[in-house]
PDB file of N, CA and C in Angstrom:
ATOM      1  N   MET A   1     141.242-157.920 -23.656  1.00  0.00           N
ATOM      2  CA  MET A   1     141.805-157.457 -24.983  1.00  0.00           C
ATOM      3  C   MET A   1     141.509-158.707 -25.954  1.00  0.00           C
ATOM      4  N   PRO A   2     140.952-158.403 -27.062  1.00  0.00           N
ATOM      5  CA  PRO A   2     140.782-159.395 -28.105  1.00  0.00           C
ATOM      6  C   PRO A   2     142.186-160.177 -28.502  1.00  0.00           C
ATOM      7  N   SER A   3     141.943-161.421 -28.720  1.00  0.00           N
ATOM      8  CA  SER A   3     143.220-162.136 -29.085  1.00  0.00           C
ATOM      9  C   SER A   3     143.874-161.712 -30.336  1.00  0.00           C
ATOM     10  N   SER A   4     143.149-161.199 -31.272  1.00  0.00           N
ATOM     11  CA  SER A   4     143.669-160.701 -32.556  1.00  0.00           C
ATOM     12  C   SER A   4     144.499-159.512 -32.303  1.00  0.00           C
ATOM     13  N   LEU A   5     144.172-158.625 -31.351  1.00  0.00           N
ATOM     14  CA  LEU A   5     144.997-157.448 -30.972  1.00  0.00           C
ATOM     15  C   LEU A   5     146.265-157.779 -30.376  1.00  0.00           C
ATOM     16  N   LEU A   6     146.167-158.874 -29.503  1.00  0.00           N
ATOM     17  CA  LEU A   6     147.338-159.340 -28.807  1.00  0.00           C
ATOM     18  C   LEU A   6     148.255-160.032 -29.898  1.00  0.00           C
ATOM     19  N   ALA A   7     147.852-160.708 -30.832  1.00  0.00           N
ATOM     20  CA  ALA A   7     148.606-161.289 -31.929  1.00  0.00           C
ATOM     21  C   ALA A   7     149.316-160.210 -32.774  1.00  0.00           C
ATOM     22  N   ASP A   8     148.578-159.161 -33.109  1.00  0.00           N
ATOM     23  CA  ASP A   8     149.104-158.037 -33.831  1.00  0.00           C
ATOM     24  C   ASP A   8     150.312-157.479 -33.073  1.00  0.00           C
ATOM     25  N   ARG A   9     150.139-157.220 -31.824  1.00  0.00           N
ATOM     26  CA  ARG A   9     151.161-156.544 -30.864  1.00  0.00           C
ATOM     27  C   ARG A   9     152.336-157.625 -30.837  1.00  0.00           C
ATOM     28  N   ALA A  10     152.016-158.853 -30.797  1.00  0.00           N
ATOM     29  CA  ALA A  10     153.218-159.727 -30.671  1.00  0.00           C
ATOM     30  C   ALA A  10     154.109-159.751 -31.922  1.00  0.00           C
ATOM     31  N   ARG A  11     153.524-159.481 -33.120  1.00  0.00           N
ATOM     32  CA  ARG A  11     154.337-159.518 -34.393  1.00  0.00           C
ATOM     33  C   ARG A  11     155.177-158.249 -34.522  1.00  0.00           C
ATOM     34  N   LEU A  12     154.818-157.125 -33.854  1.00  0.00           N
ATOM     35  CA  LEU A  12     155.551-155.903 -34.060  1.00  0.00           C
ATOM     36  C   LEU A  12     156.866-155.981 -33.338  1.00  0.00           C
ATOM     37  N   PRO A  13     157.917-155.339 -33.789  1.00  0.00           N
ATOM     38  CA  PRO A  13     159.217-155.370 -33.102  1.00  0.00           C
ATOM     39  C   PRO A  13     159.062-154.590 -31.723  1.00  0.00           C
ATOM     40  N   ASP A  14     160.010-154.891 -30.869  1.00  0.00           N
ATOM     41  CA  ASP A  14     159.909-154.331 -29.475  1.00  0.00           C
ATOM     42  C   ASP A  14     159.957-152.851 -29.548  1.00  0.00           C
ATOM     43  N   GLY A  15     159.067-152.132 -28.824  1.00  0.00           N
ATOM     44  CA  GLY A  15     158.976-150.737 -28.820  1.00  0.00           C
ATOM     45  C   GLY A  15     158.133-150.177 -29.835  1.00  0.00           C
ATOM     46  N   ALA A  16     157.664-150.910 -30.870  1.00  0.00           N
ATOM     47  CA  ALA A  16     156.812-150.433 -31.892  1.00  0.00           C
ATOM     48  C   ALA A  16     155.479-149.908 -31.388  1.00  0.00           C
ATOM     49  N   THR A  17     154.895-150.554 -30.399  1.00  0.00           N
ATOM     50  CA  THR A  17     153.672-150.167 -29.828  1.00  0.00           C
ATOM     51  C   THR A  17     153.916-149.288 -28.619  1.00  0.00           C
ATOM     52  N   ARG A  18     154.934-149.480 -27.810  1.00  0.00           N
ATOM     53  CA  ARG A  18     155.139-148.705 -26.668  1.00  0.00           C
ATOM     54  C   ARG A  18     155.399-147.152 -27.002  1.00  0.00           C
ATOM     55  N   ARG A  19     156.060-146.859 -27.985  1.00  0.00           N
ATOM     56  CA  ARG A  19     156.457-145.495 -28.325  1.00  0.00           C
ATOM     57  C   ARG A  19     155.213-144.612 -28.559  1.00  0.00           C
ATOM     58  N   PRO A  20     154.272-145.050 -29.424  1.00  0.00           N
ATOM     59  CA  PRO A  20     153.083-144.060 -29.507  1.00  0.00           C
ATOM     60  C   PRO A  20     152.309-144.071 -28.212  1.00  0.00           C
ATOM     61  N   ASP A  21     152.242-145.362 -27.442  1.00  0.00           N
ATOM     62  CA  ASP A  21     151.499-145.225 -26.229  1.00  0.00           C
ATOM     63  C   ASP A  21     152.100-144.399 -25.249  1.00  0.00           C
ATOM     64  N   SER A  22     153.508-144.318 -25.213  1.00  0.00           N
ATOM     65  CA  SER A  22     154.113-143.476 -24.239  1.00  0.00           C
ATOM     66  C   SER A  22     153.964-142.101 -24.612  1.00  0.00           C
ATOM     67  N   MET A  23     153.894-141.660 -25.956  1.00  0.00           N
ATOM     68  CA  MET A  23     153.660-140.335 -26.314  1.00  0.00           C
ATOM     69  C   MET A  23     152.347-139.876 -25.969  1.00  0.00           C
ATOM     70  N   ALA A  24     151.404-140.754 -25.968  1.00  0.00           N
ATOM     71  CA  ALA A  24     149.956-140.390 -25.601  1.00  0.00           C
ATOM     72  C   ALA A  24     150.009-140.098 -24.089  1.00  0.00           C
ATOM     73  N   VAL A  25     150.425-140.969 -23.324  1.00  0.00           N
ATOM     74  CA  VAL A  25     150.507-140.760 -21.817  1.00  0.00           C
ATOM     75  C   VAL A  25     151.316-139.564 -21.464  1.00  0.00           C
ATOM     76  N   ALA A  26     152.443-139.337 -22.167  1.00  0.00           N
ATOM     77  CA  ALA A  26     153.194-138.116 -21.893  1.00  0.00           C
ATOM     78  C   ALA A  26     152.433-136.815 -22.271  1.00  0.00           C
ATOM     79  N   SER A  27     151.725-136.906 -23.340  1.00  0.00           N
ATOM     80  CA  SER A  27     150.866-135.672 -23.746  1.00  0.00           C
ATOM     81  C   SER A  27     149.883-135.425 -22.680  1.00  0.00           C
ATOM     82  N   PHE A  28     149.242-136.542 -22.077  1.00  0.00           N
ATOM     83  CA  PHE A  28     148.201-136.271 -21.094  1.00  0.00           C
ATOM     84  C   PHE A  28     148.848-135.643 -19.798  1.00  0.00           C
ATOM     85  N   VAL A  29     149.997-136.280 -19.406  1.00  0.00           N
ATOM     86  CA  VAL A  29     150.664-135.763 -18.183  1.00  0.00           C
ATOM     87  C   VAL A  29     151.173-134.291 -18.348  1.00  0.00           C
ATOM     88  N   LEU A  30     151.771-134.047 -19.474  1.00  0.00           N
ATOM     89  CA  LEU A  30     152.330-132.693 -19.713  1.00  0.00           C
ATOM     90  C   LEU A  30     151.086-131.543 -19.840  1.00  0.00           C
ATOM     91  N   GLY A  31     150.054-132.100 -20.457  1.00  0.00           N
ATOM     92  CA  GLY A  31     148.872-131.261 -20.580  1.00  0.00           C
ATOM     93  C   GLY A  31     148.313-130.897 -19.204  1.00  0.00           C
ATOM     94  N   LEU A  32     148.269-131.848 -18.315  1.00  0.00           N
ATOM     95  CA  LEU A  32     147.648-131.690 -17.022  1.00  0.00           C
ATOM     96  C   LEU A  32     148.575-130.788 -16.162  1.00  0.00           C
ATOM     97  N   LEU A  33     149.899-131.072 -16.268  1.00  0.00           N
ATOM     98  CA  LEU A  33     150.887-130.144 -15.503  1.00  0.00           C
ATOM     99  C   LEU A  33     150.881-128.719 -16.040  1.00  0.00           C
ATOM    100  N   GLY A  34     150.624-128.637 -17.353  1.00  0.00           N
ATOM    101  CA  GLY A  34     150.565-127.323 -17.974  1.00  0.00           C
ATOM    102  C   GLY A  34     149.469-126.391 -17.483  1.00  0.00           C
ATOM    103  N   LEU A  35     148.414-127.012 -16.893  1.00  0.00           N
ATOM    104  CA  LEU A  35     147.389-126.126 -16.291  1.00  0.00           C
ATOM    105  C   LEU A  35     147.838-125.548 -15.046  1.00  0.00           C
ATOM    106  N   LEU A  36     148.815-125.977 -14.408  1.00  0.00           N
ATOM    107  CA  LEU A  36     149.311-125.443 -13.104  1.00  0.00           C
ATOM    108  C   LEU A  36     150.483-124.557 -13.393  1.00  0.00           C
ATOM    109  N   VAL A  37     151.563-125.144 -14.233  1.00  0.00           N
ATOM    110  CA  VAL A  37     152.854-124.314 -14.462  1.00  0.00           C
ATOM    111  C   VAL A  37     153.251-124.479 -15.857  1.00  0.00           C
ATOM    112  N   LEU A  38     153.931-123.517 -16.253  1.00  0.00           N
ATOM    113  CA  LEU A  38     154.575-123.441 -17.528  1.00  0.00           C
ATOM    114  C   LEU A  38     153.722-123.704 -18.805  1.00  0.00           C
ATOM    115  N   ASN A  39     152.470-123.232 -18.727  1.00  0.00           N
ATOM    116  CA  ASN A  39     151.507-123.568 -19.825  1.00  0.00           C
ATOM    117  C   ASN A  39     152.020-123.085 -21.174  1.00  0.00           C
ATOM    118  N   VAL A  40     152.883-122.105 -21.197  1.00  0.00           N
ATOM    119  CA  VAL A  40     153.348-121.607 -22.396  1.00  0.00           C
ATOM    120  C   VAL A  40     154.191-122.682 -23.148  1.00  0.00           C
ATOM    121  N   VAL A  41     154.892-123.474 -22.384  1.00  0.00           N
ATOM    122  CA  VAL A  41     155.809-124.450 -22.884  1.00  0.00           C
ATOM    123  C   VAL A  41     155.178-125.841 -22.974  1.00  0.00           C
ATOM    124  N   LEU A  42     154.442-126.233 -21.872  1.00  0.00           N
ATOM    125  CA  LEU A  42     153.924-127.559 -21.872  1.00  0.00           C
ATOM    126  C   LEU A  42     152.731-127.783 -22.751  1.00  0.00           C
ATOM    127  N   GLY A  43     151.959-126.700 -23.003  1.00  0.00           N
ATOM    128  CA  GLY A  43     150.791-126.810 -23.740  1.00  0.00           C
ATOM    129  C   GLY A  43     151.040-127.244 -25.181  1.00  0.00           C
ATOM    130  N   PRO A  44     151.939-126.534 -25.852  1.00  0.00           N
ATOM    131  CA  PRO A  44     152.312-126.845 -27.252  1.00  0.00           C
ATOM    132  C   PRO A  44     153.029-128.227 -27.214  1.00  0.00           C
ATOM    133  N   ILE A  45     153.778-128.627 -26.288  1.00  0.00           N
ATOM    134  CA  ILE A  45     154.410-129.855 -26.302  1.00  0.00           C
ATOM    135  C   ILE A  45     153.410-131.041 -26.200  1.00  0.00           C
ATOM    136  N   ALA A  46     152.371-130.743 -25.335  1.00  0.00           N
ATOM    137  CA  ALA A  46     151.284-131.789 -25.257  1.00  0.00           C
ATOM    138  C   ALA A  46     150.502-131.942 -26.500  1.00  0.00           C
ATOM    139  N   ILE A  47     150.341-130.858 -27.254  1.00  0.00           N
ATOM    140  CA  ILE A  47     149.552-130.944 -28.476  1.00  0.00           C
ATOM    141  C   ILE A  47     150.250-131.732 -29.546  1.00  0.00           C
ATOM    142  N   VAL A  48     151.603-131.418 -29.582  1.00  0.00           N
ATOM    143  CA  VAL A  48     152.509-132.042 -30.606  1.00  0.00           C
ATOM    144  C   VAL A  48     152.557-133.562 -30.340  1.00  0.00           C
ATOM    145  N   LEU A  49     152.800-133.946 -29.003  1.00  0.00           N
ATOM    146  CA  LEU A  49     152.901-135.343 -28.688  1.00  0.00           C
ATOM    147  C   LEU A  49     151.551-136.027 -28.889  1.00  0.00           C
ATOM    148  N   ALA A  50     150.405-135.423 -28.647  1.00  0.00           N
ATOM    149  CA  ALA A  50     149.242-136.094 -28.853  1.00  0.00           C
ATOM    150  C   ALA A  50     148.954-136.298 -30.372  1.00  0.00           C
ATOM    151  N   CYS A  51     149.300-135.364 -31.217  1.00  0.00           N
ATOM    152  CA  CYS A  51     149.104-135.542 -32.595  1.00  0.00           C
ATOM    153  C   CYS A  51     150.089-136.648 -33.118  1.00  0.00           C
ATOM    154  N   LEU A  52     151.283-136.620 -32.631  1.00  0.00           N
ATOM    155  CA  LEU A  52     152.191-137.619 -33.078  1.00  0.00           C
ATOM    156  C   LEU A  52     151.769-139.203 -32.676  1.00  0.00           C
ATOM    157  N   ALA A  53     151.270-139.226 -31.447  1.00  0.00           N
ATOM    158  CA  ALA A  53     150.773-140.444 -31.029  1.00  0.00           C
ATOM    159  C   ALA A  53     149.469-140.938 -31.716  1.00  0.00           C
ATOM    160  N   LEU A  54     148.593-139.995 -32.064  1.00  0.00           N
ATOM    161  CA  LEU A  54     147.440-140.372 -32.972  1.00  0.00           C
ATOM    162  C   LEU A  54     147.794-140.816 -34.304  1.00  0.00           C
ATOM    163  N   ARG A  55     148.854-140.140 -34.906  1.00  0.00           N
ATOM    164  CA  ARG A  55     149.285-140.370 -36.204  1.00  0.00           C
ATOM    165  C   ARG A  55     150.001-141.718 -36.246  1.00  0.00           C
ATOM    166  N   ALA A  56     150.604-142.063 -35.200  1.00  0.00           N
ATOM    167  CA  ALA A  56     151.434-143.300 -35.199  1.00  0.00           C
ATOM    168  C   ALA A  56     150.470-144.531 -34.842  1.00  0.00           C
ATOM    169  N   GLY A  57     149.164-144.228 -34.565  1.00  0.00           N
ATOM    170  CA  GLY A  57     148.189-145.286 -34.189  1.00  0.00           C
ATOM    171  C   GLY A  57     148.388-145.893 -32.850  1.00  0.00           C
ATOM    172  N   THR A  58     148.416-145.084 -31.878  1.00  0.00           N
ATOM    173  CA  THR A  58     148.456-145.525 -30.430  1.00  0.00           C
ATOM    174  C   THR A  58     147.171-146.281 -29.994  1.00  0.00           C
ATOM    175  N   ALA A  59     147.339-147.251 -29.139  1.00  0.00           N
ATOM    176  CA  ALA A  59     146.335-147.985 -28.607  1.00  0.00           C
ATOM    177  C   ALA A  59     145.577-147.186 -27.585  1.00  0.00           C
ATOM    178  N   ARG A  60     146.185-146.179 -26.935  1.00  0.00           N
ATOM    179  CA  ARG A  60     145.720-145.266 -25.938  1.00  0.00           C
ATOM    180  C   ARG A  60     145.087-143.979 -26.650  1.00  0.00           C
ATOM    181  N   ARG A  61     144.202-144.082 -27.472  1.00  0.00           N
ATOM    182  CA  ARG A  61     143.658-142.931 -28.163  1.00  0.00           C
ATOM    183  C   ARG A  61     142.949-142.015 -27.183  1.00  0.00           C
ATOM    184  N   GLY A  62     142.314-142.607 -26.155  1.00  0.00           N
ATOM    185  CA  GLY A  62     141.595-141.709 -25.228  1.00  0.00           C
ATOM    186  C   GLY A  62     142.616-140.755 -24.475  1.00  0.00           C
ATOM    187  N   ARG A  63     143.704-141.235 -24.083  1.00  0.00           N
ATOM    188  CA  ARG A  63     144.793-140.502 -23.399  1.00  0.00           C
ATOM    189  C   ARG A  63     145.375-139.465 -24.361  1.00  0.00           C
ATOM    190  N   ALA A  64     145.529-139.921 -25.626  1.00  0.00           N
ATOM    191  CA  ALA A  64     146.043-138.947 -26.544  1.00  0.00           C
ATOM    192  C   ALA A  64     145.045-137.694 -26.839  1.00  0.00           C
ATOM    193  N   TYR A  65     143.712-138.107 -26.937  1.00  0.00           N
ATOM    194  CA  TYR A  65     142.732-137.032 -26.975  1.00  0.00           C
ATOM    195  C   TYR A  65     142.668-136.142 -25.810  1.00  0.00           C
ATOM    196  N   LEU A  66     142.747-136.727 -24.634  1.00  0.00           N
ATOM    197  CA  LEU A  66     142.896-135.836 -23.475  1.00  0.00           C
ATOM    198  C   LEU A  66     144.041-134.992 -23.426  1.00  0.00           C
ATOM    199  N   GLY A  67     145.233-135.533 -23.856  1.00  0.00           N
ATOM    200  CA  GLY A  67     146.328-134.663 -23.873  1.00  0.00           C
ATOM    201  C   GLY A  67     146.246-133.586 -24.891  1.00  0.00           C
ATOM    202  N   LEU A  68     145.611-133.847 -26.013  1.00  0.00           N
ATOM    203  CA  LEU A  68     145.312-132.875 -27.107  1.00  0.00           C
ATOM    204  C   LEU A  68     144.354-131.663 -26.432  1.00  0.00           C
ATOM    205  N   GLY A  69     143.284-132.177 -25.790  1.00  0.00           N
ATOM    206  CA  GLY A  69     142.416-131.291 -25.117  1.00  0.00           C
ATOM    207  C   GLY A  69     143.014-130.338 -23.984  1.00  0.00           C
ATOM    208  N   LEU A  70     143.862-131.075 -23.323  1.00  0.00           N
ATOM    209  CA  LEU A  70     144.449-130.335 -22.136  1.00  0.00           C
ATOM    210  C   LEU A  70     145.590-129.354 -22.663  1.00  0.00           C
ATOM    211  N   GLY A  71     146.186-129.723 -23.737  1.00  0.00           N
ATOM    212  CA  GLY A  71     147.101-128.820 -24.424  1.00  0.00           C
ATOM    213  C   GLY A  71     146.498-127.505 -24.910  1.00  0.00           C
ATOM    214  N   VAL A  72     145.335-127.844 -25.483  1.00  0.00           N
ATOM    215  CA  VAL A  72     144.492-126.593 -26.003  1.00  0.00           C
ATOM    216  C   VAL A  72     144.007-125.803 -24.789  1.00  0.00           C
ATOM    217  N   ALA A  73     143.601-126.494 -23.776  1.00  0.00           N
ATOM    218  CA  ALA A  73     143.146-125.788 -22.541  1.00  0.00           C
ATOM    219  C   ALA A  73     144.258-124.956 -21.918  1.00  0.00           C
ATOM    220  N   ASP A  74     145.551-125.430 -21.908  1.00  0.00           N
ATOM    221  CA  ASP A  74     146.704-124.740 -21.476  1.00  0.00           C
ATOM    222  C   ASP A  74     146.877-123.428 -22.181  1.00  0.00           C
ATOM    223  N   LEU A  75     146.671-123.507 -23.511  1.00  0.00           N
ATOM    224  CA  LEU A  75     146.891-122.359 -24.283  1.00  0.00           C
ATOM    225  C   LEU A  75     145.700-121.264 -24.055  1.00  0.00           C
ATOM    226  N   LEU A  76     144.427-121.893 -23.792  1.00  0.00           N
ATOM    227  CA  LEU A  76     143.359-120.937 -23.480  1.00  0.00           C
ATOM    228  C   LEU A  76     143.502-120.308 -22.138  1.00  0.00           C
ATOM    229  N   VAL A  77     144.081-121.075 -21.079  1.00  0.00           N
ATOM    230  CA  VAL A  77     144.364-120.512 -19.844  1.00  0.00           C
ATOM    231  C   VAL A  77     145.328-119.352 -20.027  1.00  0.00           C
ATOM    232  N   LEU A  78     146.393-119.581 -20.785  1.00  0.00           N
ATOM    233  CA  LEU A  78     147.413-118.591 -21.053  1.00  0.00           C
ATOM    234  C   LEU A  78     146.892-117.434 -21.646  1.00  0.00           C
ATOM    235  N   ALA A  79     146.028-117.537 -22.591  1.00  0.00           N
ATOM    236  CA  ALA A  79     145.352-116.369 -23.241  1.00  0.00           C
ATOM    237  C   ALA A  79     144.402-115.570 -22.312  1.00  0.00           C
ATOM    238  N   ALA A  80     143.723-116.325 -21.369  1.00  0.00           N
ATOM    239  CA  ALA A  80     142.933-115.622 -20.482  1.00  0.00           C
ATOM    240  C   ALA A  80     143.757-114.865 -19.421  1.00  0.00           C
ATOM    241  N   LEU A  81     144.748-115.488 -19.012  1.00  0.00           N
ATOM    242  CA  LEU A  81     145.665-114.823 -17.922  1.00  0.00           C
ATOM    243  C   LEU A  81     146.437-113.631 -18.584  1.00  0.00           C
ATOM    244  N   THR A  82     146.800-113.781 -19.933  1.00  0.00           N
ATOM    245  CA  THR A  82     147.554-112.756 -20.612  1.00  0.00           C
ATOM    246  C   THR A  82     146.514-111.567 -20.730  1.00  0.00           C
ATOM    247  N   SER A  83     145.320-111.891 -21.087  1.00  0.00           N
ATOM    248  CA  SER A  83     144.368-110.748 -21.298  1.00  0.00           C
ATOM    249  C   SER A  83     143.947-110.051 -19.978  1.00  0.00           C
ATOM    250  N   ALA A  84     143.965-110.850 -18.868  1.00  0.00           N
ATOM    251  CA  ALA A  84     143.501-110.282 -17.658  1.00  0.00           C
ATOM    252  C   ALA A  84     144.659-109.503 -17.054  1.00  0.00           C
ATOM    253  N   ASN A  85     145.817-109.907 -17.142  1.00  0.00           N
ATOM    254  CA  ASN A  85     147.052-109.319 -16.407  1.00  0.00           C
ATOM    255  C   ASN A  85     147.867-108.456 -17.335  1.00  0.00           C
ATOM    256  N   SER A  86     147.568-108.442 -18.768  1.00  0.00           N
ATOM    257  CA  SER A  86     148.462-107.872 -19.736  1.00  0.00           C
ATOM    258  C   SER A  86     149.874-108.187 -19.718  1.00  0.00           C
ATOM    259  N   ALA A  87     150.099-109.472 -19.347  1.00  0.00           N
ATOM    260  CA  ALA A  87     151.333-110.100 -19.253  1.00  0.00           C
ATOM    261  C   ALA A  87     151.260-111.485 -19.056  1.00  0.00           C
ATOM    262  N   VAL A  88     152.296-112.358 -19.331  1.00  0.00           N
ATOM    263  CA  VAL A  88     152.304-113.881 -19.091  1.00  0.00           C
ATOM    264  C   VAL A  88     152.845-114.008 -17.695  1.00  0.00           C
ATOM    265  N   VAL A  89     151.930-113.867 -16.700  1.00  0.00           N
ATOM    266  CA  VAL A  89     152.214-114.058 -15.374  1.00  0.00           C
ATOM    267  C   VAL A  89     151.062-114.832 -14.603  1.00  0.00           C
ATOM    268  N   TRP A  90     151.357-115.390 -13.513  1.00  0.00           N
ATOM    269  CA  TRP A  90     150.357-115.990 -12.641  1.00  0.00           C
ATOM    270  C   TRP A  90     150.303-115.060 -11.446  1.00  0.00           C
ATOM    271  N   ASN A  91     149.069-114.550 -10.977  1.00  0.00           N
ATOM    272  CA  ASN A  91     148.997-113.631  -9.914  1.00  0.00           C
ATOM    273  C   ASN A  91     148.016-114.210  -8.979  1.00  0.00           C
ATOM    274  N   PHE A  92     148.619-114.690  -7.788  1.00  0.00           N
ATOM    275  CA  PHE A  92     147.681-115.349  -6.797  1.00  0.00           C
ATOM    276  C   PHE A  92     147.300-114.417  -5.700  1.00  0.00           C
ATOM    277  N   GLY A  93     147.887-113.117  -5.778  1.00  0.00           N
ATOM    278  CA  GLY A  93     147.601-112.230  -4.496  1.00  0.00           C
ATOM    279  C   GLY A  93     146.640-111.321  -4.882  1.00  0.00           C
TER     280      GLY A  93
END
């Protein structure tokens, strides 16, 4: 990490850099979990958290973009399953 970035982080109050970074990681994890279960709930939450983290200037931009992409993928999987089954259900049998 460049020393100027460390100096910028040192000047911020406690939690000012952790909150957007935490939102980016949470959006990634929720987007990933949304591919398996509850994509109707976890997909939109992942999208919102990723957008908030990017707007707040997270240092983990890659994770935020992955969370955004996975949240969109959750909704696409939901749309595909809904059109295939004519309902919002998972059918493994």
